[in-house]
PDB file of N, CA and C in Angstrom:
ATOM      1  N   MET A   1       0.848  -1.180   0.000  1.00  0.00           N
ATOM      2  CA  MET A   1       0.000   0.000   0.000  1.00  0.00           C
ATOM      3  C   MET A   1       0.888   1.235   0.000  1.00  0.00           C
ATOM      4  N   GLY A   2       0.400   2.278  -0.596  1.00  0.00           N
ATOM      5  CA  GLY A   2       1.153   3.515  -0.667  1.00  0.00           C
ATOM      6  C   GLY A   2       1.048   4.335   0.602  1.00  0.00           C
ATOM      7  N   ASP A   3       1.866   5.368   0.651  1.00  0.00           N
ATOM      8  CA  ASP A   3       1.898   6.221   1.821  1.00  0.00           C
ATOM      9  C   ASP A   3       1.487   7.649   1.533  1.00  0.00           C
ATOM     10  N   TYR A   4       1.009   7.933   0.323  1.00  0.00           N
ATOM     11  CA  TYR A   4       0.558   9.285   0.012  1.00  0.00           C
ATOM     12  C   TYR A   4      -0.779   9.213  -0.718  1.00  0.00           C
ATOM     13  N   ILE A   5      -1.726  10.010  -0.256  1.00  0.00           N
ATOM     14  CA  ILE A   5      -3.089   9.945  -0.782  1.00  0.00           C
ATOM     15  C   ILE A   5      -3.538  11.333  -1.202  1.00  0.00           C
ATOM     16  N   ASP A   6      -4.054  11.454  -2.407  1.00  0.00           N
ATOM     17  CA  ASP A   6      -4.749  12.657  -2.842  1.00  0.00           C
ATOM     18  C   ASP A   6      -6.230  12.411  -2.589  1.00  0.00           C
ATOM     19  N   GLY A   7      -6.887  13.315  -1.869  1.00  0.00           N
ATOM     20  CA  GLY A   7      -8.298  13.154  -1.567  1.00  0.00           C
ATOM     21  C   GLY A   7      -9.126  14.303  -2.110  1.00  0.00           C
ATOM     22  N   PHE A   8     -10.358  13.987  -2.514  1.00  0.00           N
ATOM     23  CA  PHE A   8     -11.283  14.962  -3.090  1.00  0.00           C
ATOM     24  C   PHE A   8     -12.683  14.745  -2.526  1.00  0.00           C
ATOM     25  N   VAL A   9     -13.410  15.825  -2.328  1.00  0.00           N
ATOM     26  CA  VAL A   9     -14.831  15.765  -2.031  1.00  0.00           C
ATOM     27  C   VAL A   9     -15.488  16.787  -2.953  1.00  0.00           C
ATOM     28  N   LEU A  10     -16.515  16.364  -3.675  1.00  0.00           N
ATOM     29  CA  LEU A  10     -17.185  17.252  -4.611  1.00  0.00           C
ATOM     30  C   LEU A  10     -18.638  16.857  -4.752  1.00  0.00           C
ATOM     31  N   THR A  11     -19.398  17.699  -5.425  1.00  0.00           N
ATOM     32  CA  THR A  11     -20.799  17.398  -5.684  1.00  0.00           C
ATOM     33  C   THR A  11     -21.011  17.246  -7.187  1.00  0.00           C
ATOM     34  N   ILE A  12     -21.995  16.424  -7.520  1.00  0.00           N
ATOM     35  CA  ILE A  12     -22.367  16.162  -8.914  1.00  0.00           C
ATOM     36  C   ILE A  12     -23.893  16.245  -9.003  1.00  0.00           C
ATOM     37  N   PRO A  13     -24.421  16.875 -10.047  1.00  0.00           N
ATOM     38  CA  PRO A  13     -25.882  16.839 -10.210  1.00  0.00           C
ATOM     39  C   PRO A  13     -26.366  15.394 -10.338  1.00  0.00           C
ATOM     40  N   LYS A  14     -27.398  15.048  -9.583  1.00  0.00           N
ATOM     41  CA  LYS A  14     -27.933  13.675  -9.638  1.00  0.00           C
ATOM     42  C   LYS A  14     -28.276  13.265 -11.065  1.00  0.00           C
ATOM     43  N   ALA A  15     -28.803  14.186 -11.821  1.00  0.00           N
ATOM     44  CA  ALA A  15     -29.218  13.888 -13.198  1.00  0.00           C
ATOM     45  C   ALA A  15     -28.025  13.608 -14.119  1.00  0.00           C
ATOM     46  N   ARG A  16     -26.805  13.935 -13.665  1.00  0.00           N
ATOM     47  CA  ARG A  16     -25.619  13.743 -14.512  1.00  0.00           C
ATOM     48  C   ARG A  16     -24.667  12.686 -13.947  1.00  0.00           C
ATOM     49  N   LEU A  17     -25.163  11.863 -13.036  1.00  0.00           N
ATOM     50  CA  LEU A  17     -24.313  10.862 -12.404  1.00  0.00           C
ATOM     51  C   LEU A  17     -23.713   9.894 -13.418  1.00  0.00           C
ATOM     52  N   ALA A  18     -24.463   9.469 -14.401  1.00  0.00           N
ATOM     53  CA  ALA A  18     -23.934   8.557 -15.424  1.00  0.00           C
ATOM     54  C   ALA A  18     -22.818   9.234 -16.216  1.00  0.00           C
ATOM     55  N   ASP A  19     -22.976  10.535 -16.508  1.00  0.00           N
ATOM     56  CA  ASP A  19     -21.928  11.282 -17.204  1.00  0.00           C
ATOM     57  C   ASP A  19     -20.661  11.324 -16.355  1.00  0.00           C
ATOM     58  N   TYR A  20     -20.839  11.587 -15.052  1.00  0.00           N
ATOM     59  CA  TYR A  20     -19.682  11.662 -14.167  1.00  0.00           C
ATOM     60  C   TYR A  20     -18.990  10.303 -14.065  1.00  0.00           C
ATOM     61  N   LYS A  21     -19.752   9.243 -13.984  1.00  0.00           N
ATOM     62  CA  LYS A  21     -19.156   7.908 -13.885  1.00  0.00           C
ATOM     63  C   LYS A  21     -18.291   7.628 -15.112  1.00  0.00           C
ATOM     64  N   ARG A  22     -18.763   8.019 -16.284  1.00  0.00           N
ATOM     65  CA  ARG A  22     -17.988   7.813 -17.507  1.00  0.00           C
ATOM     66  C   ARG A  22     -16.666   8.594 -17.450  1.00  0.00           C
ATOM     67  N   VAL A  23     -16.732   9.860 -17.027  1.00  0.00           N
ATOM     68  CA  VAL A  23     -15.535  10.695 -16.933  1.00  0.00           C
ATOM     69  C   VAL A  23     -14.601  10.177 -15.841  1.00  0.00           C
ATOM     70  N   ALA A  24     -15.154   9.795 -14.698  1.00  0.00           N
ATOM     71  CA  ALA A  24     -14.336   9.301 -13.588  1.00  0.00           C
ATOM     72  C   ALA A  24     -13.630   7.998 -13.949  1.00  0.00           C
ATOM     73  N   THR A  25     -14.276   7.163 -14.729  1.00  0.00           N
ATOM     74  CA  THR A  25     -13.646   5.912 -15.180  1.00  0.00           C
ATOM     75  C   THR A  25     -12.445   6.226 -16.070  1.00  0.00           C
ATOM     76  N   LYS A  26     -12.609   7.184 -16.959  1.00  0.00           N
ATOM     77  CA  LYS A  26     -11.484   7.609 -17.813  1.00  0.00           C
ATOM     78  C   LYS A  26     -10.369   8.196 -16.956  1.00  0.00           C
ATOM     79  N   ALA A  27     -10.748   9.037 -15.996  1.00  0.00           N
ATOM     80  CA  ALA A  27      -9.754   9.664 -15.123  1.00  0.00           C
ATOM     81  C   ALA A  27      -8.972   8.611 -14.341  1.00  0.00           C
ATOM     82  N   GLY A  28      -9.679   7.637 -13.808  1.00  0.00           N
ATOM     83  CA  GLY A  28      -9.009   6.579 -13.054  1.00  0.00           C
ATOM     84  C   GLY A  28      -7.980   5.848 -13.884  1.00  0.00           C
ATOM     85  N   ARG A  29      -8.303   5.582 -15.132  1.00  0.00           N
ATOM     86  CA  ARG A  29      -7.332   4.908 -16.017  1.00  0.00           C
ATOM     87  C   ARG A  29      -6.099   5.780 -16.233  1.00  0.00           C
ATOM     88  N   ILE A  30      -6.320   7.087 -16.411  1.00  0.00           N
ATOM     89  CA  ILE A  30      -5.194   8.005 -16.621  1.00  0.00           C
ATOM     90  C   ILE A  30      -4.324   8.054 -15.373  1.00  0.00           C
ATOM     91  N   TRP A  31      -4.953   8.199 -14.199  1.00  0.00           N
ATOM     92  CA  TRP A  31      -4.189   8.246 -12.950  1.00  0.00           C
ATOM     93  C   TRP A  31      -3.390   6.947 -12.766  1.00  0.00           C
ATOM     94  N   ARG A  32      -4.016   5.819 -13.040  1.00  0.00           N
ATOM     95  CA  ARG A  32      -3.315   4.533 -12.903  1.00  0.00           C
ATOM     96  C   ARG A  32      -2.177   4.423 -13.924  1.00  0.00           C
ATOM     97  N   ASP A  33      -2.405   4.897 -15.153  1.00  0.00           N
ATOM     98  CA  ASP A  33      -1.356   4.871 -16.180  1.00  0.00           C
ATOM     99  C   ASP A  33      -0.128   5.670 -15.755  1.00  0.00           C
ATOM    100  N   HIS A  34      -0.344   6.683 -14.914  1.00  0.00           N
ATOM    101  CA  HIS A  34       0.761   7.553 -14.508  1.00  0.00           C
ATOM    102  C   HIS A  34       1.247   7.284 -13.089  1.00  0.00           C
ATOM    103  N   GLY A  35       0.879   6.138 -12.519  1.00  0.00           N
ATOM    104  CA  GLY A  35       1.504   5.743 -11.266  1.00  0.00           C
ATOM    105  C   GLY A  35       0.629   5.600 -10.039  1.00  0.00           C
ATOM    106  N   ALA A  36      -0.631   5.967 -10.112  1.00  0.00           N
ATOM    107  CA  ALA A  36      -1.487   5.762  -8.933  1.00  0.00           C
ATOM    108  C   ALA A  36      -1.616   4.266  -8.680  1.00  0.00           C
ATOM    109  N   LEU A  37      -1.484   3.878  -7.432  1.00  0.00           N
ATOM    110  CA  LEU A  37      -1.615   2.469  -7.055  1.00  0.00           C
ATOM    111  C   LEU A  37      -3.082   2.061  -6.956  1.00  0.00           C
ATOM    112  N   GLU A  38      -3.920   3.044  -6.613  1.00  0.00           N
ATOM    113  CA  GLU A  38      -5.353   2.797  -6.480  1.00  0.00           C
ATOM    114  C   GLU A  38      -6.079   4.102  -6.761  1.00  0.00           C
ATOM    115  N   TYR A  39      -7.267   3.993  -7.316  1.00  0.00           N
ATOM    116  CA  TYR A  39      -8.084   5.164  -7.629  1.00  0.00           C
ATOM    117  C   TYR A  39      -9.525   4.820  -7.318  1.00  0.00           C
ATOM    118  N   ARG A  40     -10.181   5.627  -6.500  1.00  0.00           N
ATOM    119  CA  ARG A  40     -11.568   5.350  -6.110  1.00  0.00           C
ATOM    120  C   ARG A  40     -12.422   6.598  -6.257  1.00  0.00           C
ATOM    121  N   GLU A  41     -13.664   6.397  -6.668  1.00  0.00           N
ATOM    122  CA  GLU A  41     -14.689   7.437  -6.724  1.00  0.00           C
ATOM    123  C   GLU A  41     -15.916   6.821  -6.055  1.00  0.00           C
ATOM    124  N   CYS A  42     -16.365   7.419  -4.960  1.00  0.00           N
ATOM    125  CA  CYS A  42     -17.454   6.851  -4.174  1.00  0.00           C
ATOM    126  C   CYS A  42     -18.592   7.856  -4.033  1.00  0.00           C
ATOM    127  N   ILE A  43     -19.826   7.352  -4.078  1.00  0.00           N
ATOM    128  CA  ILE A  43     -21.019   8.176  -3.910  1.00  0.00           C
ATOM    129  C   ILE A  43     -21.511   8.032  -2.476  1.00  0.00           C
ATOM    130  N   LEU A  44     -21.785   9.159  -1.837  1.00  0.00           N
ATOM    131  CA  LEU A  44     -22.299   9.145  -0.474  1.00  0.00           C
ATOM    132  C   LEU A  44     -23.638   8.417  -0.426  1.00  0.00           C
ATOM    133  N   GLU A  45     -23.714   7.428   0.424  1.00  0.00           N
ATOM    134  CA  GLU A  45     -24.934   6.629   0.551  1.00  0.00           C
ATOM    135  C   GLU A  45     -25.586   6.843   1.916  1.00  0.00           C
ATOM    136  N   ASP A  46     -24.773   7.067   2.943  1.00  0.00           N
ATOM    137  CA  ASP A  46     -25.298   7.226   4.296  1.00  0.00           C
ATOM    138  C   ASP A  46     -24.745   8.515   4.899  1.00  0.00           C
ATOM    139  N   PRO A  47     -25.494   9.611   4.786  1.00  0.00           N
ATOM    140  CA  PRO A  47     -24.989  10.888   5.303  1.00  0.00           C
ATOM    141  C   PRO A  47     -25.250  11.115   6.789  1.00  0.00           C
ATOM    142  N   ALA A  48     -25.871  10.149   7.469  1.00  0.00           N
ATOM    143  CA  ALA A  48     -26.188  10.331   8.888  1.00  0.00           C
ATOM    144  C   ALA A  48     -24.908  10.515   9.692  1.00  0.00           C
ATOM    145  N   ALA A  49     -24.904  11.560  10.485  1.00  0.00           N
ATOM    146  CA  ALA A  49     -23.729  11.832  11.310  1.00  0.00           C
ATOM    147  C   ALA A  49     -24.167  12.517  12.597  1.00  0.00           C
ATOM    148  N   PRO A  50     -24.796  11.759  13.484  1.00  0.00           N
ATOM    149  CA  PRO A  50     -25.236  12.375  14.742  1.00  0.00           C
ATOM    150  C   PRO A  50     -24.067  13.052  15.454  1.00  0.00           C
ATOM    151  N   SER A  51     -24.258  14.281  15.826  1.00  0.00           N
ATOM    152  CA  SER A  51     -23.282  15.124  16.533  1.00  0.00           C
ATOM    153  C   SER A  51     -22.030  15.441  15.707  1.00  0.00           C
ATOM    154  N   MET A  52     -22.080  15.176  14.392  1.00  0.00           N
ATOM    155  CA  MET A  52     -20.968  15.540  13.497  1.00  0.00           C
ATOM    156  C   MET A  52     -21.520  16.307  12.307  1.00  0.00           C
ATOM    157  N   ILE A  53     -20.647  16.907  11.541  1.00  0.00           N
ATOM    158  CA  ILE A  53     -21.071  17.618  10.341  1.00  0.00           C
ATOM    159  C   ILE A  53     -21.113  16.624   9.184  1.00  0.00           C
ATOM    160  N   PRO A  54     -22.291  16.378   8.614  1.00  0.00           N
ATOM    161  CA  PRO A  54     -22.367  15.453   7.485  1.00  0.00           C
ATOM    162  C   PRO A  54     -21.749  16.087   6.226  1.00  0.00           C
ATOM    163  N   PHE A  55     -21.201  15.263   5.370  1.00  0.00           N
ATOM    164  CA  PHE A  55     -20.577  15.760   4.143  1.00  0.00           C
ATOM    165  C   PHE A  55     -21.476  16.698   3.341  1.00  0.00           C
ATOM    166  N   PRO A  56     -22.760  16.390   3.139  1.00  0.00           N
ATOM    167  CA  PRO A  56     -23.581  17.307   2.336  1.00  0.00           C
ATOM    168  C   PRO A  56     -23.607  18.732   2.902  1.00  0.00           C
ATOM    169  N   LYS A  57     -23.666  18.845   4.210  1.00  0.00           N
ATOM    170  CA  LYS A  57     -23.657  20.171   4.827  1.00  0.00           C
ATOM    171  C   LYS A  57     -22.288  20.817   4.677  1.00  0.00           C
ATOM    172  N   LEU A  58     -21.250  20.056   4.884  1.00  0.00           N
ATOM    173  CA  LEU A  58     -19.889  20.567   4.806  1.00  0.00           C
ATOM    174  C   LEU A  58     -19.580  21.142   3.422  1.00  0.00           C
ATOM    175  N   ILE A  59     -20.018  20.449   2.387  1.00  0.00           N
ATOM    176  CA  ILE A  59     -19.711  20.870   1.020  1.00  0.00           C
ATOM    177  C   ILE A  59     -20.847  21.678   0.388  1.00  0.00           C
ATOM    178  N   LYS A  60     -21.886  21.931   1.185  1.00  0.00           N
ATOM    179  CA  LYS A  60     -23.040  22.724   0.748  1.00  0.00           C
ATOM    180  C   LYS A  60     -23.730  22.109  -0.465  1.00  0.00           C
ATOM    181  N   ALA A  61     -23.976  20.807  -0.370  1.00  0.00           N
ATOM    182  CA  ALA A  61     -24.671  20.098  -1.455  1.00  0.00           C
ATOM    183  C   ALA A  61     -26.121  20.541  -1.518  1.00  0.00           C
ATOM    184  N   ARG A  62     -26.593  20.714  -2.727  1.00  0.00           N
ATOM    185  CA  ARG A  62     -27.995  21.065  -2.942  1.00  0.00           C
ATOM    186  C   ARG A  62     -28.810  19.769  -3.018  1.00  0.00           C
ATOM    187  N   PRO A  63     -30.127  19.860  -2.864  1.00  0.00           N
ATOM    188  CA  PRO A  63     -30.967  18.650  -2.903  1.00  0.00           C
ATOM    189  C   PRO A  63     -30.856  17.859  -4.210  1.00  0.00           C
ATOM    190  N   ASP A  64     -30.504  18.514  -5.300  1.00  0.00           N
ATOM    191  CA  ASP A  64     -30.404  17.829  -6.595  1.00  0.00           C
ATOM    192  C   ASP A  64     -28.992  17.321  -6.876  1.00  0.00           C
ATOM    193  N   GLU A  65     -28.142  17.258  -5.840  1.00  0.00           N
ATOM    194  CA  GLU A  65     -26.757  16.821  -6.010  1.00  0.00           C
ATOM    195  C   GLU A  65     -26.436  15.606  -5.149  1.00  0.00           C
ATOM    196  N   VAL A  66     -25.422  14.874  -5.575  1.00  0.00           N
ATOM    197  CA  VAL A  66     -24.850  13.800  -4.768  1.00  0.00           C
ATOM    198  C   VAL A  66     -23.427  14.202  -4.400  1.00  0.00           C
ATOM    199  N   VAL A  67     -22.956  13.670  -3.282  1.00  0.00           N
ATOM    200  CA  VAL A  67     -21.597  13.943  -2.828  1.00  0.00           C
ATOM    201  C   VAL A  67     -20.699  12.796  -3.267  1.00  0.00           C
ATOM    202  N   VAL A  68     -19.552  13.171  -3.814  1.00  0.00           N
ATOM    203  CA  VAL A  68     -18.559  12.195  -4.266  1.00  0.00           C
ATOM    204  C   VAL A  68     -17.320  12.338  -3.386  1.00  0.00           C
ATOM    205  N   PHE A  69     -16.836  11.221  -2.887  1.00  0.00           N
ATOM    206  CA  PHE A  69     -15.615  11.158  -2.082  1.00  0.00           C
ATOM    207  C   PHE A  69     -14.632  10.325  -2.888  1.00  0.00           C
ATOM    208  N   SER A  70     -13.487  10.906  -3.215  1.00  0.00           N
ATOM    209  CA  SER A  70     -12.540  10.243  -4.120  1.00  0.00           C
ATOM    210  C   SER A  70     -11.135  10.284  -3.553  1.00  0.00           C
ATOM    211  N   TRP A  71     -10.347   9.293  -3.974  1.00  0.00           N
ATOM    212  CA  TRP A  71      -8.933   9.334  -3.605  1.00  0.00           C
ATOM    213  C   TRP A  71      -8.105   8.526  -4.580  1.00  0.00           C
ATOM    214  N   ALA A  72      -6.837   8.910  -4.628  1.00  0.00           N
ATOM    215  CA  ALA A  72      -5.830   8.178  -5.396  1.00  0.00           C
ATOM    216  C   ALA A  72      -4.650   7.941  -4.464  1.00  0.00           C
ATOM    217  N   ILE A  73      -4.107   6.753  -4.495  1.00  0.00           N
ATOM    218  CA  ILE A  73      -3.003   6.383  -3.609  1.00  0.00           C
ATOM    219  C   ILE A  73      -1.717   6.260  -4.421  1.00  0.00           C
ATOM    220  N   PHE A  74      -0.653   6.824  -3.872  1.00  0.00           N
ATOM    221  CA  PHE A  74       0.678   6.774  -4.477  1.00  0.00           C
ATOM    222  C   PHE A  74       1.681   6.255  -3.448  1.00  0.00           C
ATOM    223  N   LYS A  75       2.819   5.785  -3.911  1.00  0.00           N
ATOM    224  CA  LYS A  75       3.845   5.295  -2.984  1.00  0.00           C
ATOM    225  C   LYS A  75       4.376   6.420  -2.111  1.00  0.00           C
ATOM    226  N   THR A  76       4.672   7.572  -2.707  1.00  0.00           N
ATOM    227  CA  THR A  76       5.252   8.698  -1.981  1.00  0.00           C
ATOM    228  C   THR A  76       4.716  10.004  -2.545  1.00  0.00           C
ATOM    229  N   ARG A  77       4.948  11.089  -1.823  1.00  0.00           N
ATOM    230  CA  ARG A  77       4.553  12.395  -2.359  1.00  0.00           C
ATOM    231  C   ARG A  77       5.364  12.706  -3.611  1.00  0.00           C
ATOM    232  N   ARG A  78       6.614  12.369  -3.601  1.00  0.00           N
ATOM    233  CA  ARG A  78       7.452  12.628  -4.785  1.00  0.00           C
ATOM    234  C   ARG A  78       6.870  11.937  -6.015  1.00  0.00           C
ATOM    235  N   GLN A  79       6.447  10.698  -5.853  1.00  0.00           N
ATOM    236  CA  GLN A  79       5.838   9.985  -6.984  1.00  0.00           C
ATOM    237  C   GLN A  79       4.491  10.600  -7.356  1.00  0.00           C
ATOM    238  N   ARG A  80       3.728  11.058  -6.354  1.00  0.00           N
ATOM    239  CA  ARG A  80       2.462  11.740  -6.646  1.00  0.00           C
ATOM    240  C   ARG A  80       2.717  13.016  -7.441  1.00  0.00           C
ATOM    241  N   ASP A  81       3.712  13.803  -7.001  1.00  0.00           N
ATOM    242  CA  ASP A  81       4.020  15.051  -7.697  1.00  0.00           C
ATOM    243  C   ASP A  81       4.427  14.793  -9.148  1.00  0.00           C
ATOM    244  N   ALA A  82       5.272  13.786  -9.352  1.00  0.00           N
ATOM    245  CA  ALA A  82       5.700  13.437 -10.719  1.00  0.00           C
ATOM    246  C   ALA A  82       4.519  12.952 -11.542  1.00  0.00           C
ATOM    247  N   ALA A  83       3.672  12.137 -10.937  1.00  0.00           N
ATOM    248  CA  ALA A  83       2.491  11.627 -11.643  1.00  0.00           C
ATOM    249  C   ALA A  83       1.561  12.768 -12.017  1.00  0.00           C
ATOM    250  N   ASN A  84       1.331  13.707 -11.098  1.00  0.00           N
ATOM    251  CA  ASN A  84       0.427  14.812 -11.389  1.00  0.00           C
ATOM    252  C   ASN A  84       0.934  15.683 -12.530  1.00  0.00           C
ATOM    253  N   ARG A  85       2.250  15.870 -12.617  1.00  0.00           N
ATOM    254  CA  ARG A  85       2.797  16.627 -13.757  1.00  0.00           C
ATOM    255  C   ARG A  85       2.480  15.903 -15.064  1.00  0.00           C
ATOM    256  N   LYS A  86       2.656  14.590 -15.073  1.00  0.00           N
ATOM    257  CA  LYS A  86       2.364  13.800 -16.275  1.00  0.00           C
ATOM    258  C   LYS A  86       0.860  13.790 -16.574  1.00  0.00           C
ATOM    259  N   ILE A  87       0.057  13.677 -15.531  1.00  0.00           N
ATOM    260  CA  ILE A  87      -1.397  13.645 -15.696  1.00  0.00           C
ATOM    261  C   ILE A  87      -1.882  14.947 -16.324  1.00  0.00           C
ATOM    262  N   MET A  88      -1.416  16.071 -15.796  1.00  0.00           N
ATOM    263  CA  MET A  88      -1.866  17.365 -16.306  1.00  0.00           C
ATOM    264  C   MET A  88      -1.391  17.609 -17.743  1.00  0.00           C
ATOM    265  N   ALA A  89      -0.309  16.958 -18.156  1.00  0.00           N
ATOM    266  CA  ALA A  89       0.194  17.097 -19.530  1.00  0.00           C
ATOM    267  C   ALA A  89      -0.421  16.070 -20.483  1.00  0.00           C
ATOM    268  N   ASP A  90      -1.157  15.119 -19.944  1.00  0.00           N
ATOM    269  CA  ASP A  90      -1.736  14.050 -20.763  1.00  0.00           C
ATOM    270  C   ASP A  90      -2.870  14.621 -21.620  1.00  0.00           C
ATOM    271  N   PRO A  91      -2.824  14.443 -22.938  1.00  0.00           N
ATOM    272  CA  PRO A  91      -3.872  14.993 -23.803  1.00  0.00           C
ATOM    273  C   PRO A  91      -5.263  14.432 -23.497  1.00  0.00           C
ATOM    274  N   ARG A  92      -5.342  13.276 -22.867  1.00  0.00           N
ATOM    275  CA  ARG A  92      -6.650  12.728 -22.503  1.00  0.00           C
ATOM    276  C   ARG A  92      -7.344  13.578 -21.444  1.00  0.00           C
ATOM    277  N   VAL A  93      -6.540  14.220 -20.579  1.00  0.00           N
ATOM    278  CA  VAL A  93      -7.115  15.087 -19.543  1.00  0.00           C
ATOM    279  C   VAL A  93      -7.713  16.331 -20.190  1.00  0.00           C
ATOM    280  N   ALA A  94      -6.999  16.918 -21.128  1.00  0.00           N
ATOM    281  CA  ALA A  94      -7.529  18.099 -21.827  1.00  0.00           C
ATOM    282  C   ALA A  94      -8.842  17.764 -22.523  1.00  0.00           C
ATOM    283  N   ALA A  95      -8.920  16.601 -23.122  1.00  0.00           N
ATOM    284  CA  ALA A  95     -10.149  16.185 -23.797  1.00  0.00           C
ATOM    285  C   ALA A  95     -11.289  16.001 -22.796  1.00  0.00           C
ATOM    286  N   MET A  96     -10.977  15.516 -21.604  1.00  0.00           N
ATOM    287  CA  MET A  96     -12.003  15.302 -20.579  1.00  0.00           C
ATOM    288  C   MET A  96     -12.556  16.616 -20.038  1.00  0.00           C
ATOM    289  N   CYS A  97     -11.791  17.686 -20.108  1.00  0.00           N
ATOM    290  CA  CYS A  97     -12.251  18.969 -19.574  1.00  0.00           C
ATOM    291  C   CYS A  97     -13.544  19.414 -20.246  1.00  0.00           C
ATOM    292  N   GLU A  98     -13.683  19.145 -21.515  1.00  0.00           N
ATOM    293  CA  GLU A  98     -14.925  19.476 -22.213  1.00  0.00           C
ATOM    294  C   GLU A  98     -16.106  18.693 -21.641  1.00  0.00           C
ATOM    295  N   GLU A  99     -15.861  17.452 -21.282  1.00  0.00           N
ATOM    296  CA  GLU A  99     -16.926  16.600 -20.747  1.00  0.00           C
ATOM    297  C   GLU A  99     -17.384  17.029 -19.358  1.00  0.00           C
ATOM    298  N   THR A 100     -16.528  17.728 -18.625  1.00  0.00           N
ATOM    299  CA  THR A 100     -16.861  18.079 -17.248  1.00  0.00           C
ATOM    300  C   THR A 100     -17.525  19.446 -17.114  1.00  0.00           C
ATOM    301  N   LYS A 101     -17.671  20.181 -18.209  1.00  0.00           N
ATOM    302  CA  LYS A 101     -18.331  21.491 -18.120  1.00  0.00           C
ATOM    303  C   LYS A 101     -19.760  21.306 -17.614  1.00  0.00           C
ATOM    304  N   GLY A 102     -20.096  22.060 -16.573  1.00  0.00           N
ATOM    305  CA  GLY A 102     -21.425  21.960 -15.978  1.00  0.00           C
ATOM    306  C   GLY A 102     -21.615  20.728 -15.112  1.00  0.00           C
ATOM    307  N   LEU A 103     -20.576  19.949 -14.975  1.00  0.00           N
ATOM    308  CA  LEU A 103     -20.654  18.705 -14.216  1.00  0.00           C
ATOM    309  C   LEU A 103     -19.997  18.851 -12.848  1.00  0.00           C
ATOM    310  N   VAL A 104     -18.833  19.476 -12.802  1.00  0.00           N
ATOM    311  CA  VAL A 104     -18.074  19.653 -11.570  1.00  0.00           C
ATOM    312  C   VAL A 104     -17.898  21.149 -11.310  1.00  0.00           C
ATOM    313  N   ASP A 105     -18.281  21.596 -10.127  1.00  0.00           N
ATOM    314  CA  ASP A 105     -18.073  22.977  -9.717  1.00  0.00           C
ATOM    315  C   ASP A 105     -16.797  23.019  -8.878  1.00  0.00           C
ATOM    316  N   CYS A 106     -15.693  23.339  -9.522  1.00  0.00           N
ATOM    317  CA  CYS A 106     -14.391  23.303  -8.840  1.00  0.00           C
ATOM    318  C   CYS A 106     -14.300  24.274  -7.669  1.00  0.00           C
ATOM    319  N   LYS A 107     -15.118  25.307  -7.664  1.00  0.00           N
ATOM    320  CA  LYS A 107     -15.108  26.263  -6.548  1.00  0.00           C
ATOM    321  C   LYS A 107     -15.687  25.653  -5.278  1.00  0.00           C
ATOM    322  N   ARG A 108     -16.435  24.561  -5.409  1.00  0.00           N
ATOM    323  CA  ARG A 108     -17.009  23.882  -4.251  1.00  0.00           C
ATOM    324  C   ARG A 108     -16.340  22.537  -4.005  1.00  0.00           C
ATOM    325  N   MET A 109     -15.302  22.235  -4.735  1.00  0.00           N
ATOM    326  CA  MET A 109     -14.591  20.963  -4.596  1.00  0.00           C
ATOM    327  C   MET A 109     -13.482  21.128  -3.556  1.00  0.00           C
ATOM    328  N   ALA A 110     -13.354  20.160  -2.669  1.00  0.00           N
ATOM    329  CA  ALA A 110     -12.282  20.174  -1.674  1.00  0.00           C
ATOM    330  C   ALA A 110     -11.214  19.176  -2.097  1.00  0.00           C
ATOM    331  N   TYR A 111      -9.939  19.537  -1.881  1.00  0.00           N
ATOM    332  CA  TYR A 111      -8.828  18.689  -2.290  1.00  0.00           C
ATOM    333  C   TYR A 111      -7.708  18.816  -1.273  1.00  0.00           C
ATOM    334  N   GLY A 112      -6.962  17.747  -1.112  1.00  0.00           N
ATOM    335  CA  GLY A 112      -5.765  17.800  -0.289  1.00  0.00           C
ATOM    336  C   GLY A 112      -4.905  16.573  -0.490  1.00  0.00           C
ATOM    337  N   GLY A 113      -3.615  16.739  -0.238  1.00  0.00           N
ATOM    338  CA  GLY A 113      -2.669  15.629  -0.267  1.00  0.00           C
ATOM    339  C   GLY A 113      -2.392  15.199   1.170  1.00  0.00           C
ATOM    340  N   PHE A 114      -2.438  13.912   1.426  1.00  0.00           N
ATOM    341  CA  PHE A 114      -2.350  13.393   2.795  1.00  0.00           C
ATOM    342  C   PHE A 114      -1.234  12.356   2.918  1.00  0.00           C
ATOM    343  N   THR A 115      -0.511  12.424   4.030  1.00  0.00           N
ATOM    344  CA  THR A 115       0.412  11.345   4.358  1.00  0.00           C
ATOM    345  C   THR A 115      -0.365  10.312   5.159  1.00  0.00           C
ATOM    346  N   ASN A 116       0.028   9.078   5.020  1.00  0.00           N
ATOM    347  CA  ASN A 116      -0.647   7.972   5.686  1.00  0.00           C
ATOM    348  C   ASN A 116      -0.238   7.951   7.161  1.00  0.00           C
ATOM    349  N   LEU A 117      -1.211   7.976   8.051  1.00  0.00           N
ATOM    350  CA  LEU A 117      -0.957   7.937   9.484  1.00  0.00           C
ATOM    351  C   LEU A 117      -1.101   6.524  10.037  1.00  0.00           C
ATOM    352  N   VAL A 118      -2.169   5.840   9.622  1.00  0.00           N
ATOM    353  CA  VAL A 118      -2.422   4.471  10.078  1.00  0.00           C
ATOM    354  C   VAL A 118      -2.866   3.653   8.902  1.00  0.00           C
ATOM    355  N   SER A 119      -2.311   2.474   8.750  1.00  0.00           N
ATOM    356  CA  SER A 119      -2.718   1.558   7.692  1.00  0.00           C
ATOM    357  C   SER A 119      -2.738   0.162   8.271  1.00  0.00           C
ATOM    358  N   LEU A 120      -3.900  -0.465   8.323  1.00  0.00           N
ATOM    359  CA  LEU A 120      -4.026  -1.800   8.917  1.00  0.00           C
ATOM    360  C   LEU A 120      -4.348  -2.830   7.866  1.00  0.00           C
TER     361      LEU A 120
END
């Protein structure tokens, strides 16, 4: 298992979930081609969080949206950084940008790079 994780939380219009799945599948292949050990895109199914802030509230999801929790795992940050440079230069990513118009609101998307603290 890797020790560096890129994590994302975003919203997708419910009516465009099939479109997002198609784009996310392409993205996962690109990330894996450039060194990601694992790539996941997950749809929030259980937002119940007694005494905690649920993801929909945190990301300000509207009733017509679903919350997506995603991550890619890399061996190290150095490998993640190198992979991201290659990913951003990959012509397949530029082509996907057209597909994501109106699909992903990057101003409401959360992102971060994480070091692994516990792995069991």
